[in-house]
Amino acid sequence: MQRTRRVVAVGTVVVASALLVPGAVASAGGDDRGGGHGHETTLQFDVEFSPFNLVDLAEPGLSAGDVIVFDDVLLQDGEQVGGMAGTCVLIDATPLANCTGVVTLDEQDTITFAFLNAPPPEKIFAITGGSGTYRTAQGDGLLVEFGDGTGALTLNVISR
């Protein structure tokens, strides 16, 4: 009799586990990287950087608290298709800076982003949102500075 109760109890636990585990696994798989529910789009642009514009708020020269303001031109096949505007707040004089900005592709479509700016010419950033076509945007991007006032921007946009 005691053996029968133990078998029934173990059987109940196994059945309950079999019912619960798939639900736990399904909810753990909520990170969609574009496969399934999200739509991934890669956007590529040539960039003409605006002149360096420093708002010197602290000690003279580059120092913590100063702000760099940018308003760059985005091109495809030599034609302007949008802009990239934002600010970078200097964290220290290296010049390490916390940057945020907005890519504007037309009057309604924007993509917002953030990145940590440091001297290397390649900047990897997070896409934090958007509007219009990109209102559910997330993803990442790469900005490469060529050193001559131009560069390249690649946006890997995931929209839901």
N, C-alpha and C. Protein backbone atom coordinates (compact mmCIF):
# COMPACT_ATOMS: atom_id res chain seq x y z
N MET A 1 0.82 -1.19 0.00
CA MET A 1 0.00 0.00 0.00
C MET A 1 0.87 1.26 0.00
N GLN A 2 1.92 1.25 0.83
CA GLN A 2 2.80 2.41 0.90
C GLN A 2 3.56 2.59 -0.42
N ARG A 3 3.96 1.47 -1.04
CA ARG A 3 4.66 1.52 -2.34
C ARG A 3 3.73 2.12 -3.40
N THR A 4 2.44 1.80 -3.37
CA THR A 4 1.48 2.31 -4.33
C THR A 4 1.34 3.82 -4.19
N ARG A 5 1.29 4.33 -2.95
CA ARG A 5 1.18 5.77 -2.72
C ARG A 5 2.42 6.49 -3.26
N ARG A 6 3.59 5.88 -3.03
CA ARG A 6 4.84 6.48 -3.49
C ARG A 6 4.87 6.54 -5.02
N VAL A 7 4.45 5.49 -5.69
CA VAL A 7 4.41 5.46 -7.15
C VAL A 7 3.43 6.50 -7.68
N VAL A 8 2.26 6.61 -7.03
CA VAL A 8 1.27 7.60 -7.44
C VAL A 8 1.83 9.01 -7.23
N ALA A 9 2.48 9.26 -6.09
CA ALA A 9 3.05 10.57 -5.81
C ALA A 9 4.14 10.92 -6.82
N VAL A 10 5.04 9.99 -7.11
CA VAL A 10 6.10 10.23 -8.09
C VAL A 10 5.49 10.44 -9.47
N GLY A 11 4.49 9.65 -9.81
CA GLY A 11 3.82 9.80 -11.10
C GLY A 11 3.17 11.17 -11.24
N THR A 12 2.56 11.66 -10.17
CA THR A 12 1.93 12.98 -10.18
C THR A 12 2.98 14.07 -10.39
N VAL A 13 4.12 13.96 -9.71
CA VAL A 13 5.20 14.94 -9.86
C VAL A 13 5.74 14.93 -11.29
N VAL A 14 5.93 13.75 -11.87
CA VAL A 14 6.44 13.64 -13.24
C VAL A 14 5.46 14.27 -14.22
N VAL A 15 4.16 13.98 -14.07
CA VAL A 15 3.16 14.56 -14.97
C VAL A 15 3.10 16.07 -14.80
N ALA A 16 3.11 16.56 -13.56
CA ALA A 16 3.08 18.00 -13.32
C ALA A 16 4.31 18.67 -13.91
N SER A 17 5.47 18.04 -13.75
CA SER A 17 6.71 18.59 -14.32
C SER A 17 6.62 18.65 -15.83
N ALA A 18 6.09 17.61 -16.43
CA ALA A 18 5.97 17.57 -17.89
C ALA A 18 5.05 18.68 -18.39
N LEU A 19 4.05 19.02 -17.60
CA LEU A 19 3.13 20.08 -18.00
C LEU A 19 3.71 21.47 -17.77
N LEU A 20 4.50 21.63 -16.70
CA LEU A 20 5.04 22.94 -16.35
C LEU A 20 6.30 23.31 -17.11
N VAL A 21 7.18 22.37 -17.36
CA VAL A 21 8.47 22.67 -17.98
C VAL A 21 8.32 23.29 -19.37
N PRO A 22 7.46 22.77 -20.26
CA PRO A 22 7.35 23.43 -21.56
C PRO A 22 6.92 24.89 -21.45
N GLY A 23 6.06 25.22 -20.51
CA GLY A 23 5.65 26.61 -20.31
C GLY A 23 6.82 27.47 -19.86
N ALA A 24 7.65 26.93 -18.97
CA ALA A 24 8.82 27.67 -18.50
C ALA A 24 9.82 27.86 -19.62
N VAL A 25 10.03 26.84 -20.43
CA VAL A 25 10.95 26.95 -21.55
C VAL A 25 10.42 27.94 -22.58
N ALA A 26 9.13 27.92 -22.84
CA ALA A 26 8.54 28.84 -23.81
C ALA A 26 8.69 30.28 -23.34
N SER A 27 8.47 30.55 -22.06
CA SER A 27 8.58 31.92 -21.58
C SER A 27 10.03 32.36 -21.49
N ALA A 28 10.97 31.44 -21.32
CA ALA A 28 12.37 31.80 -21.28
C ALA A 28 12.89 32.15 -22.66
N GLY A 29 12.20 31.76 -23.70
CA GLY A 29 12.64 32.03 -25.06
C GLY A 29 12.10 33.31 -25.63
N GLY A 30 11.79 34.30 -24.80
CA GLY A 30 11.18 35.53 -25.26
C GLY A 30 12.12 36.50 -25.95
N ASP A 31 13.43 36.24 -25.99
CA ASP A 31 14.38 37.14 -26.62
C ASP A 31 14.42 36.88 -28.11
N ASP A 32 13.69 37.66 -28.87
CA ASP A 32 13.58 37.47 -30.32
C ASP A 32 14.62 38.34 -31.01
N ARG A 33 15.56 37.74 -31.67
CA ARG A 33 16.60 38.46 -32.39
C ARG A 33 16.27 38.57 -33.87
N GLY A 34 15.02 38.75 -34.20
CA GLY A 34 14.64 38.92 -35.58
C GLY A 34 14.12 37.65 -36.21
N GLY A 35 14.30 36.50 -35.56
CA GLY A 35 13.81 35.25 -36.13
C GLY A 35 12.47 34.93 -35.54
N GLY A 36 11.43 35.06 -36.26
CA GLY A 36 10.11 34.73 -35.75
C GLY A 36 9.20 35.92 -35.77
N HIS A 37 9.20 36.69 -34.70
CA HIS A 37 8.24 37.78 -34.57
C HIS A 37 8.78 39.13 -35.05
N GLY A 38 10.10 39.31 -35.02
CA GLY A 38 10.68 40.58 -35.42
C GLY A 38 11.09 40.56 -36.88
N HIS A 39 11.17 41.76 -37.44
CA HIS A 39 11.62 41.91 -38.82
C HIS A 39 12.94 42.68 -38.78
N GLU A 40 14.01 42.09 -39.30
CA GLU A 40 15.32 42.75 -39.26
C GLU A 40 15.62 43.40 -40.59
N THR A 41 16.07 44.65 -40.51
CA THR A 41 16.45 45.42 -41.68
C THR A 41 17.83 46.01 -41.45
N THR A 42 18.70 45.92 -42.44
CA THR A 42 20.01 46.55 -42.36
C THR A 42 20.00 47.78 -43.25
N LEU A 43 20.31 48.92 -42.64
CA LEU A 43 20.37 50.19 -43.35
C LEU A 43 21.82 50.65 -43.39
N GLN A 44 22.30 51.08 -44.55
CA GLN A 44 23.69 51.53 -44.68
C GLN A 44 23.73 52.92 -45.29
N PHE A 45 24.61 53.75 -44.72
CA PHE A 45 24.72 55.14 -45.15
C PHE A 45 26.18 55.56 -45.20
N ASP A 46 26.48 56.50 -46.08
CA ASP A 46 27.72 57.26 -46.01
C ASP A 46 27.41 58.44 -45.11
N VAL A 47 28.42 58.92 -44.39
CA VAL A 47 28.21 60.02 -43.44
C VAL A 47 29.16 61.16 -43.75
N GLU A 48 28.62 62.37 -43.78
CA GLU A 48 29.43 63.59 -43.79
C GLU A 48 29.26 64.22 -42.41
N PHE A 49 30.35 64.20 -41.63
CA PHE A 49 30.28 64.71 -40.27
C PHE A 49 30.24 66.23 -40.26
N SER A 50 29.47 66.78 -39.31
CA SER A 50 29.43 68.23 -39.13
C SER A 50 30.75 68.67 -38.49
N PRO A 51 31.08 69.97 -38.60
CA PRO A 51 32.30 70.45 -37.94
C PRO A 51 32.23 70.21 -36.43
N PHE A 52 33.39 70.01 -35.82
CA PHE A 52 33.46 69.78 -34.37
C PHE A 52 32.86 70.98 -33.66
N ASN A 53 31.90 70.73 -32.75
CA ASN A 53 31.22 71.80 -32.03
C ASN A 53 31.21 71.46 -30.55
N LEU A 54 32.07 72.11 -29.78
CA LEU A 54 32.19 71.87 -28.35
C LEU A 54 31.53 73.00 -27.57
N VAL A 55 30.63 72.65 -26.68
CA VAL A 55 30.07 73.60 -25.73
C VAL A 55 30.89 73.42 -24.46
N ASP A 56 31.79 74.37 -24.22
CA ASP A 56 32.77 74.27 -23.13
C ASP A 56 32.14 74.79 -21.84
N LEU A 57 31.63 73.87 -21.04
CA LEU A 57 30.89 74.25 -19.83
C LEU A 57 31.73 74.20 -18.55
N ALA A 58 32.80 73.46 -18.56
CA ALA A 58 33.61 73.28 -17.36
C ALA A 58 34.95 74.00 -17.55
N GLU A 59 36.04 73.35 -17.12
CA GLU A 59 37.37 73.93 -17.30
C GLU A 59 37.64 74.16 -18.78
N PRO A 60 38.45 75.15 -19.12
CA PRO A 60 38.76 75.40 -20.53
C PRO A 60 39.35 74.16 -21.22
N GLY A 61 38.93 73.93 -22.47
CA GLY A 61 39.36 72.74 -23.20
C GLY A 61 38.46 71.57 -22.87
N LEU A 62 38.82 70.39 -23.36
CA LEU A 62 38.02 69.18 -23.10
C LEU A 62 38.09 68.80 -21.63
N SER A 63 36.92 68.72 -20.99
CA SER A 63 36.86 68.31 -19.58
C SER A 63 35.47 67.75 -19.29
N ALA A 64 35.38 67.03 -18.18
CA ALA A 64 34.11 66.41 -17.78
C ALA A 64 33.00 67.46 -17.72
N GLY A 65 31.85 67.11 -18.30
CA GLY A 65 30.70 68.00 -18.30
C GLY A 65 30.52 68.80 -19.57
N ASP A 66 31.57 68.91 -20.38
CA ASP A 66 31.44 69.60 -21.67
C ASP A 66 30.52 68.79 -22.58
N VAL A 67 29.96 69.45 -23.58
CA VAL A 67 29.02 68.80 -24.48
C VAL A 67 29.49 68.99 -25.93
N ILE A 68 29.52 67.90 -26.67
CA ILE A 68 29.78 67.95 -28.11
C ILE A 68 28.42 67.83 -28.80
N VAL A 69 28.15 68.73 -29.74
CA VAL A 69 26.89 68.75 -30.47
C VAL A 69 27.19 68.37 -31.92
N PHE A 70 26.38 67.46 -32.48
CA PHE A 70 26.61 67.08 -33.88
C PHE A 70 25.31 67.07 -34.68
N ASP A 71 25.45 67.35 -35.96
CA ASP A 71 24.32 67.36 -36.91
C ASP A 71 24.88 66.91 -38.26
N ASP A 72 24.97 65.60 -38.45
CA ASP A 72 25.63 65.00 -39.60
C ASP A 72 24.66 64.72 -40.74
N VAL A 73 25.19 64.57 -41.94
CA VAL A 73 24.40 64.29 -43.14
C VAL A 73 24.55 62.81 -43.50
N LEU A 74 23.42 62.15 -43.77
CA LEU A 74 23.43 60.75 -44.20
C LEU A 74 23.14 60.68 -45.70
N LEU A 75 23.96 59.89 -46.40
CA LEU A 75 23.86 59.80 -47.86
C LEU A 75 23.77 58.35 -48.31
N GLN A 76 23.10 58.15 -49.43
CA GLN A 76 23.10 56.87 -50.15
C GLN A 76 23.28 57.20 -51.62
N ASP A 77 24.25 56.57 -52.25
CA ASP A 77 24.56 56.83 -53.66
C ASP A 77 24.77 58.32 -53.93
N GLY A 78 25.41 59.01 -52.98
CA GLY A 78 25.73 60.42 -53.15
C GLY A 78 24.60 61.38 -52.89
N GLU A 79 23.41 60.89 -52.62
CA GLU A 79 22.24 61.73 -52.37
C GLU A 79 21.90 61.76 -50.88
N GLN A 80 21.58 62.96 -50.36
CA GLN A 80 21.19 63.06 -48.96
C GLN A 80 19.84 62.37 -48.75
N VAL A 81 19.81 61.45 -47.76
CA VAL A 81 18.57 60.72 -47.45
C VAL A 81 18.13 60.94 -46.01
N GLY A 82 18.94 61.65 -45.24
CA GLY A 82 18.58 61.87 -43.85
C GLY A 82 19.67 62.58 -43.09
N GLY A 83 19.50 62.60 -41.79
CA GLY A 83 20.47 63.24 -40.92
C GLY A 83 20.65 62.47 -39.63
N MET A 84 21.70 62.82 -38.91
CA MET A 84 21.98 62.20 -37.61
C MET A 84 22.41 63.33 -36.68
N ALA A 85 21.60 63.60 -35.67
CA ALA A 85 21.86 64.71 -34.77
C ALA A 85 21.87 64.23 -33.33
N GLY A 86 22.67 64.87 -32.50
CA GLY A 86 22.69 64.49 -31.10
C GLY A 86 23.74 65.23 -30.31
N THR A 87 23.97 64.71 -29.11
CA THR A 87 24.94 65.30 -28.20
C THR A 87 25.76 64.21 -27.53
N CYS A 88 26.97 64.60 -27.14
CA CYS A 88 27.84 63.72 -26.36
C CYS A 88 28.30 64.50 -25.13
N VAL A 89 28.04 63.98 -23.95
CA VAL A 89 28.48 64.62 -22.72
C VAL A 89 29.81 63.98 -22.33
N LEU A 90 30.86 64.81 -22.22
CA LEU A 90 32.18 64.29 -21.87
C LEU A 90 32.20 63.79 -20.43
N ILE A 91 32.75 62.61 -20.27
CA ILE A 91 32.90 62.01 -18.95
C ILE A 91 34.25 62.40 -18.37
N ASP A 92 35.25 62.48 -19.24
CA ASP A 92 36.59 62.94 -18.85
C ASP A 92 37.28 63.51 -20.08
N ALA A 93 38.52 63.96 -19.93
CA ALA A 93 39.22 64.64 -21.01
C ALA A 93 39.86 63.70 -22.02
N THR A 94 39.60 62.41 -21.96
CA THR A 94 40.30 61.46 -22.86
C THR A 94 39.90 61.51 -24.32
N PRO A 95 38.89 61.89 -24.90
CA PRO A 95 37.58 62.37 -24.45
C PRO A 95 36.52 61.28 -24.46
N LEU A 96 36.40 60.56 -23.39
CA LEU A 96 35.34 59.57 -23.23
C LEU A 96 34.02 60.32 -23.04
N ALA A 97 32.98 59.92 -23.79
CA ALA A 97 31.71 60.65 -23.73
C ALA A 97 30.52 59.71 -23.89
N ASN A 98 29.43 60.08 -23.24
CA ASN A 98 28.15 59.36 -23.36
C ASN A 98 27.33 60.10 -24.41
N CYS A 99 27.02 59.40 -25.53
CA CYS A 99 26.35 60.05 -26.66
C CYS A 99 24.95 59.49 -26.88
N THR A 100 24.04 60.37 -27.22
CA THR A 100 22.70 59.98 -27.64
C THR A 100 22.35 60.78 -28.89
N GLY A 101 21.51 60.19 -29.72
CA GLY A 101 21.16 60.89 -30.94
C GLY A 101 19.95 60.32 -31.64
N VAL A 102 19.62 60.96 -32.74
CA VAL A 102 18.46 60.57 -33.54
C VAL A 102 18.86 60.56 -35.01
N VAL A 103 18.56 59.46 -35.68
CA VAL A 103 18.68 59.39 -37.13
C VAL A 103 17.31 59.74 -37.69
N THR A 104 17.26 60.71 -38.59
CA THR A 104 16.01 61.11 -39.22
C THR A 104 16.07 60.72 -40.69
N LEU A 105 15.13 59.88 -41.12
CA LEU A 105 15.14 59.39 -42.50
C LEU A 105 14.13 60.09 -43.37
N ASP A 106 13.10 60.61 -42.81
CA ASP A 106 12.15 61.48 -43.50
C ASP A 106 11.43 62.25 -42.41
N GLU A 107 10.37 62.87 -42.72
CA GLU A 107 9.70 63.71 -41.73
C GLU A 107 9.05 62.92 -40.60
N GLN A 108 8.83 61.61 -40.78
CA GLN A 108 8.13 60.83 -39.77
C GLN A 108 8.95 59.69 -39.19
N ASP A 109 9.97 59.22 -39.89
CA ASP A 109 10.72 58.04 -39.45
C ASP A 109 12.03 58.44 -38.77
N THR A 110 12.13 58.08 -37.49
CA THR A 110 13.36 58.34 -36.74
C THR A 110 13.81 57.06 -36.06
N ILE A 111 15.10 57.00 -35.78
CA ILE A 111 15.70 55.90 -35.01
C ILE A 111 16.58 56.55 -33.96
N THR A 112 16.34 56.23 -32.69
CA THR A 112 17.15 56.79 -31.61
C THR A 112 18.23 55.81 -31.21
N PHE A 113 19.35 56.36 -30.70
CA PHE A 113 20.48 55.50 -30.36
C PHE A 113 21.29 56.09 -29.22
N ALA A 114 22.15 55.24 -28.64
CA ALA A 114 23.07 55.67 -27.59
C ALA A 114 24.36 54.87 -27.73
N PHE A 115 25.49 55.52 -27.41
CA PHE A 115 26.77 54.82 -27.42
C PHE A 115 27.78 55.53 -26.54
N LEU A 116 28.83 54.82 -26.19
CA LEU A 116 29.93 55.38 -25.43
C LEU A 116 31.02 55.74 -26.44
N ASN A 117 31.30 57.03 -26.57
CA ASN A 117 32.27 57.50 -27.55
C ASN A 117 33.65 57.51 -26.94
N ALA A 118 34.59 56.93 -27.65
CA ALA A 118 35.99 56.92 -27.24
C ALA A 118 36.82 57.14 -28.50
N PRO A 119 38.11 57.39 -28.36
CA PRO A 119 38.95 57.68 -29.52
C PRO A 119 38.96 56.66 -30.67
N PRO A 120 38.80 55.36 -30.49
CA PRO A 120 38.84 54.49 -31.67
C PRO A 120 37.82 54.92 -32.72
N PRO A 121 38.14 54.74 -34.02
CA PRO A 121 37.23 55.21 -35.07
C PRO A 121 35.95 54.40 -35.22
N GLU A 122 35.85 53.22 -34.60
CA GLU A 122 34.63 52.41 -34.71
C GLU A 122 33.80 52.55 -33.44
N LYS A 123 32.56 52.95 -33.61
CA LYS A 123 31.63 53.14 -32.50
C LYS A 123 30.49 52.13 -32.64
N ILE A 124 30.29 51.30 -31.63
CA ILE A 124 29.18 50.36 -31.61
C ILE A 124 28.11 50.94 -30.70
N PHE A 125 26.88 50.97 -31.16
CA PHE A 125 25.84 51.57 -30.33
C PHE A 125 24.56 50.76 -30.34
N ALA A 126 23.71 51.10 -29.37
CA ALA A 126 22.41 50.44 -29.21
C ALA A 126 21.33 51.31 -29.84
N ILE A 127 20.44 50.66 -30.58
CA ILE A 127 19.24 51.34 -31.07
C ILE A 127 18.22 51.25 -29.95
N THR A 128 17.73 52.40 -29.49
CA THR A 128 16.88 52.45 -28.30
C THR A 128 15.41 52.73 -28.59
N GLY A 129 15.07 52.98 -29.84
CA GLY A 129 13.67 53.23 -30.18
C GLY A 129 13.55 53.95 -31.50
N GLY A 130 12.39 54.53 -31.72
CA GLY A 130 12.17 55.25 -32.96
C GLY A 130 10.74 55.73 -33.08
N SER A 131 10.41 56.20 -34.28
CA SER A 131 9.04 56.65 -34.55
C SER A 131 8.68 56.29 -35.99
N GLY A 132 7.39 56.41 -36.30
CA GLY A 132 6.93 56.09 -37.64
C GLY A 132 7.16 54.62 -37.95
N THR A 133 7.78 54.34 -39.07
CA THR A 133 8.08 52.97 -39.48
C THR A 133 8.90 52.24 -38.42
N TYR A 134 9.72 52.98 -37.66
CA TYR A 134 10.64 52.38 -36.69
C TYR A 134 10.18 52.56 -35.24
N ARG A 135 8.87 52.71 -35.02
CA ARG A 135 8.37 52.98 -33.66
C ARG A 135 8.65 51.85 -32.67
N THR A 136 8.89 50.63 -33.14
CA THR A 136 9.21 49.51 -32.24
C THR A 136 10.67 49.08 -32.41
N ALA A 137 11.49 49.98 -32.90
CA ALA A 137 12.87 49.62 -33.25
C ALA A 137 13.73 49.28 -32.04
N GLN A 138 14.57 48.29 -32.26
CA GLN A 138 15.66 47.95 -31.36
C GLN A 138 16.76 47.39 -32.25
N GLY A 139 17.90 47.10 -31.68
CA GLY A 139 19.00 46.56 -32.47
C GLY A 139 20.30 47.23 -32.13
N ASP A 140 21.21 47.25 -33.10
CA ASP A 140 22.51 47.86 -32.88
C ASP A 140 23.03 48.47 -34.17
N GLY A 141 24.13 49.17 -34.04
CA GLY A 141 24.70 49.81 -35.21
C GLY A 141 26.20 49.97 -35.07
N LEU A 142 26.82 50.33 -36.17
CA LEU A 142 28.26 50.56 -36.22
C LEU A 142 28.51 51.84 -37.00
N LEU A 143 29.22 52.76 -36.37
CA LEU A 143 29.63 54.00 -37.02
C LEU A 143 31.15 53.95 -37.15
N VAL A 144 31.65 54.13 -38.36
CA VAL A 144 33.09 54.11 -38.61
C VAL A 144 33.50 55.48 -39.13
N GLU A 145 34.47 56.10 -38.45
CA GLU A 145 35.02 57.39 -38.89
C GLU A 145 36.24 57.12 -39.75
N PHE A 146 36.30 57.73 -40.94
CA PHE A 146 37.43 57.51 -41.85
C PHE A 146 38.59 58.48 -41.59
N GLY A 147 38.35 59.52 -40.78
CA GLY A 147 39.42 60.46 -40.44
C GLY A 147 39.51 61.66 -41.37
N ASP A 148 38.64 61.75 -42.35
CA ASP A 148 38.66 62.86 -43.30
C ASP A 148 37.34 63.64 -43.30
N GLY A 149 36.59 63.53 -42.19
CA GLY A 149 35.29 64.20 -42.11
C GLY A 149 34.15 63.37 -42.67
N THR A 150 34.45 62.13 -43.07
CA THR A 150 33.42 61.24 -43.59
C THR A 150 33.47 59.91 -42.84
N GLY A 151 32.44 59.11 -43.06
CA GLY A 151 32.39 57.81 -42.41
C GLY A 151 31.31 56.95 -43.01
N ALA A 152 31.03 55.85 -42.33
CA ALA A 152 29.98 54.92 -42.75
C ALA A 152 29.16 54.53 -41.54
N LEU A 153 27.86 54.40 -41.74
CA LEU A 153 26.93 54.02 -40.68
C LEU A 153 26.14 52.80 -41.14
N THR A 154 26.13 51.77 -40.30
CA THR A 154 25.31 50.58 -40.54
C THR A 154 24.37 50.42 -39.37
N LEU A 155 23.07 50.31 -39.64
CA LEU A 155 22.06 50.10 -38.60
C LEU A 155 21.41 48.74 -38.82
N ASN A 156 21.45 47.90 -37.81
CA ASN A 156 20.75 46.61 -37.83
C ASN A 156 19.50 46.78 -36.98
N VAL A 157 18.38 47.06 -37.65
CA VAL A 157 17.14 47.43 -36.98
C VAL A 157 16.21 46.23 -36.91
N ILE A 158 15.75 45.93 -35.70
CA ILE A 158 14.74 44.89 -35.50
C ILE A 158 13.45 45.60 -35.11
N SER A 159 12.41 45.40 -35.90
CA SER A 159 11.10 45.99 -35.62
C SER A 159 10.11 44.87 -35.36
N ARG A 160 9.20 45.09 -34.45
CA ARG A 160 8.20 44.08 -34.12
C ARG A 160 6.89 44.43 -34.77
